[in-house]
Every structure is written in structure tokens, then in C-alpha cells.
Amino acid sequence: MEDRDRRQNLRFIGFPSQPNENCGQIVTDFCKYIGVDRITINRVHRISRMPNAVIVANFTFDGDVQRILQAARARGRNERQFVTADFSGETVNIRRKLIPHLETAKREGKRATIIRDHLLVDGKRWVFNKDGIIIELKPPTFGHLVPDGHRMQ
């Protein structure tokens, strides 16, 4: 639920702190640099007073978030400044645990990616169960809702 509330937030990482800075202007300038113009920011701030702390920006429109993430990914992560989605601490920990499984799948030549708090490998979803074991998340079946004799083949 917390991740749902954060879905219009982005984290801007690697931006040096400066006295009397305007975080909104830093985000706007970076977005222009990666080719995204005309964004609408609701709120923006650093998450601590530490030097070079992460900037969190909340955007009015989902489209702005998606355009920024796509442009930032296309630019690559080889530079010191990058953008990520703003996930809850719980989701971040789950994603960290999924990374070794992601790397293994990619080494095996499979198509794999992490989406929110699950791993997608060749179209199959994998999650951690309550015991911390990774399992395939099967799609729900609704056969029990259909009266006997009327099941689809």
C-alpha cells in the first residue's frame, strides 16, 4: 500500500548539495538535460540534511514520471547522477534479495527483470513466500466458481 502512495515520486540521486539550493530547479534542469520538458512538480525536497542527500520529487501526472524514467534509463547509469522510482523500505529490501536471482537468470540467457517486488523471468512471476523462499506466483484459477459439468476445456 505504501508503494502505491509513492508511485508518483522519483528519487534523484547523485546531485551535490549547495547552500540555498532550489531542489525544484535542480530536478527541472536535470529533466531538460535528459530531454523531458514541461513537467509539473507538486513537491520536492532532500530526504535529509546530509551532503548530497537524495532528492525526492512528487509529480502531478503519471505521464511525467514515466517519461522521466524512460529518458533516464535511455541515458544509462554510467554517470554519477540517476533517477529511480521511490519504493518503500520493505520493497527495496525485497528487490535487493531478488538481484542474485535476476543475475542468475540473465546468465542462463533468460529474459529477466525486477518489477516492483517480484522477479519476472521468461513471463513467469517469482516472489518470496512468508518463509523467505522464492516461489513462482501462479495466476489464479477460477474453476471452483464454475458449477460441475460446465467447466471449460
Protein backbone atom coordinates (compact mmCIF):
# COMPACT_ATOMS: atom_id res chain seq x y z
CA MET A 1 0.00 0.00 0.00
CA GLU A 2 2.85 2.37 0.82
CA ASP A 3 4.33 1.83 -2.65
CA ARG A 4 1.02 2.84 -4.19
CA ASP A 5 1.22 6.18 -2.38
CA ARG A 6 4.76 6.66 -3.71
CA ARG A 7 4.06 5.84 -7.35
CA GLN A 8 4.25 9.48 -8.44
CA ASN A 9 7.54 10.04 -6.61
CA LEU A 10 11.01 9.77 -8.12
CA ARG A 11 14.35 9.72 -6.35
CA PHE A 12 17.13 11.84 -7.87
CA ILE A 13 20.49 10.50 -6.72
CA GLY A 14 23.98 11.98 -7.00
CA PHE A 15 23.15 15.67 -7.08
CA PRO A 16 25.57 17.74 -4.96
CA SER A 17 24.01 19.87 -2.22
CA GLN A 18 24.54 23.62 -2.37
CA PRO A 19 23.71 26.41 0.07
CA ASN A 20 20.29 27.99 -0.55
CA GLU A 21 19.57 25.49 -3.32
CA ASN A 22 16.25 25.15 -5.11
CA CYS A 23 15.57 21.41 -5.41
CA GLY A 24 12.73 22.05 -7.85
CA GLN A 25 15.13 23.84 -10.18
CA ILE A 26 17.69 21.02 -9.87
CA VAL A 27 15.05 18.46 -10.89
CA THR A 28 13.71 20.65 -13.71
CA ASP A 29 17.22 21.28 -15.09
CA PHE A 30 18.07 17.56 -14.98
CA CYS A 31 14.83 16.66 -16.74
CA LYS A 32 15.61 19.17 -19.51
CA TYR A 33 19.12 17.70 -19.75
CA ILE A 34 17.70 14.21 -20.42
CA GLY A 35 15.17 15.60 -22.89
CA VAL A 36 12.00 15.86 -20.81
CA ASP A 37 10.34 19.28 -20.90
CA ARG A 38 7.14 20.58 -19.37
CA ILE A 39 6.85 18.65 -16.12
CA THR A 40 4.62 19.53 -13.19
CA ILE A 41 6.14 19.05 -9.74
CA ASN A 42 3.89 19.01 -6.66
CA ARG A 43 6.61 18.81 -4.01
CA VAL A 44 10.36 18.33 -3.98
CA HIS A 45 12.88 18.10 -1.16
CA ARG A 46 16.02 16.36 0.05
CA ILE A 47 15.36 13.49 2.43
CA SER A 48 17.99 14.61 4.95
CA ARG A 49 20.37 17.44 5.66
CA MET A 50 23.40 15.29 4.87
CA PRO A 51 25.60 16.47 1.99
CA ASN A 52 24.45 15.13 -1.37
CA ALA A 53 21.28 13.59 0.11
CA VAL A 54 18.74 12.09 -2.26
CA ILE A 55 16.14 14.45 -3.71
CA VAL A 56 12.56 13.13 -3.74
CA ALA A 57 10.15 14.77 -6.16
CA ASN A 58 6.40 14.19 -6.34
CA PHE A 59 4.86 14.79 -9.76
CA THR A 60 1.27 15.68 -10.62
CA PHE A 61 1.00 13.38 -13.64
CA ASP A 62 1.87 9.70 -14.05
CA GLY A 63 2.96 10.51 -17.60
CA ASP A 64 5.69 12.81 -16.31
CA VAL A 65 7.04 10.04 -14.05
CA GLN A 66 7.10 7.53 -16.91
CA ARG A 67 8.73 9.92 -19.39
CA ILE A 68 11.45 10.83 -16.88
CA LEU A 69 12.19 7.18 -16.01
CA GLN A 70 12.33 6.18 -19.70
CA ALA A 71 14.60 9.07 -20.63
CA ALA A 72 16.87 8.43 -17.63
CA ARG A 73 17.12 4.71 -18.49
CA ALA A 74 17.89 5.51 -22.14
CA ARG A 75 20.67 7.81 -20.95
CA GLY A 76 22.21 4.99 -18.94
CA ARG A 77 23.51 4.74 -15.43
CA ASN A 78 27.17 5.24 -16.23
CA GLU A 79 27.13 8.80 -14.94
CA ARG A 80 27.04 9.82 -11.30
CA GLN A 81 23.50 11.21 -11.42
CA PHE A 82 20.50 8.95 -11.95
CA VAL A 83 16.80 8.56 -11.24
CA THR A 84 14.86 5.69 -9.67
CA ALA A 85 11.30 5.00 -8.57
CA ASP A 86 10.62 5.73 -4.92
CA PHE A 87 9.82 2.39 -3.24
CA SER A 88 9.16 1.69 0.44
CA GLY A 89 11.99 0.28 2.56
CA GLU A 90 10.34 -3.15 2.54
CA THR A 91 10.18 -3.22 -1.25
CA VAL A 92 13.79 -2.02 -1.54
CA ASN A 93 14.92 -4.90 0.69
CA ILE A 94 12.94 -7.42 -1.36
CA ARG A 95 14.43 -6.05 -4.59
CA ARG A 96 17.96 -6.41 -3.13
CA LYS A 97 17.26 -10.07 -2.35
CA LEU A 98 15.93 -10.63 -5.88
CA ILE A 99 19.07 -9.28 -7.59
CA PRO A 100 21.11 -12.53 -7.31
CA HIS A 101 18.17 -14.45 -8.84
CA LEU A 102 17.93 -11.85 -11.61
CA GLU A 103 21.64 -12.15 -12.39
CA THR A 104 21.45 -15.96 -12.45
CA ALA A 105 18.51 -15.90 -14.85
CA LYS A 106 20.31 -13.47 -17.17
CA ARG A 107 23.49 -15.60 -17.12
CA GLU A 108 21.31 -18.53 -18.20
CA GLY A 109 20.16 -16.48 -21.19
CA LYS A 110 16.64 -15.87 -19.91
CA ARG A 111 14.70 -12.63 -20.23
CA ALA A 112 14.51 -11.31 -16.68
CA THR A 113 13.63 -8.08 -14.90
CA ILE A 114 12.51 -6.90 -11.48
CA ILE A 115 9.12 -5.22 -11.35
CA ARG A 116 8.23 -3.64 -8.02
CA ASP A 117 8.62 -6.52 -5.54
CA HIS A 118 8.74 -9.53 -7.87
CA LEU A 119 11.03 -11.08 -10.45
CA LEU A 120 9.77 -11.71 -13.96
CA VAL A 121 11.66 -14.48 -15.80
CA ASP A 122 10.52 -15.55 -19.28
CA GLY A 123 6.98 -14.39 -18.49
CA LYS A 124 6.73 -16.13 -15.11
CA ARG A 125 6.47 -14.18 -11.83
CA TRP A 126 8.63 -15.14 -8.86
CA VAL A 127 8.15 -13.80 -5.32
CA PHE A 128 9.36 -14.58 -1.82
CA ASN A 129 6.89 -16.51 0.34
CA LYS A 130 6.41 -15.84 4.06
CA ASP A 131 9.37 -18.14 4.85
CA GLY A 132 11.70 -16.16 2.57
CA ILE A 133 11.83 -18.81 -0.15
CA ILE A 134 11.44 -17.70 -3.75
CA ILE A 135 8.44 -19.34 -5.44
CA GLU A 136 6.64 -18.99 -8.73
CA LEU A 137 3.48 -16.92 -8.41
CA LYS A 138 0.84 -18.81 -10.37
CA PRO A 139 -2.08 -16.93 -11.89
CA PRO A 140 -5.34 -17.51 -10.03
CA THR A 141 -7.68 -20.21 -11.26
CA PHE A 142 -11.41 -19.78 -11.04
CA GLY A 143 -12.52 -23.34 -11.85
CA HIS A 144 -14.01 -23.74 -8.37
CA LEU A 145 -16.51 -20.99 -9.20
CA VAL A 146 -17.97 -22.82 -12.21
CA PRO A 147 -20.67 -25.44 -11.45
CA ASP A 148 -19.67 -29.05 -12.14
CA GLY A 149 -20.37 -30.16 -15.68
CA HIS A 150 -19.85 -26.64 -17.02
CA ARG A 151 -16.07 -26.42 -16.88
CA MET A 152 -14.37 -25.01 -19.95
CA GLN A 153 -11.86 -27.25 -21.69
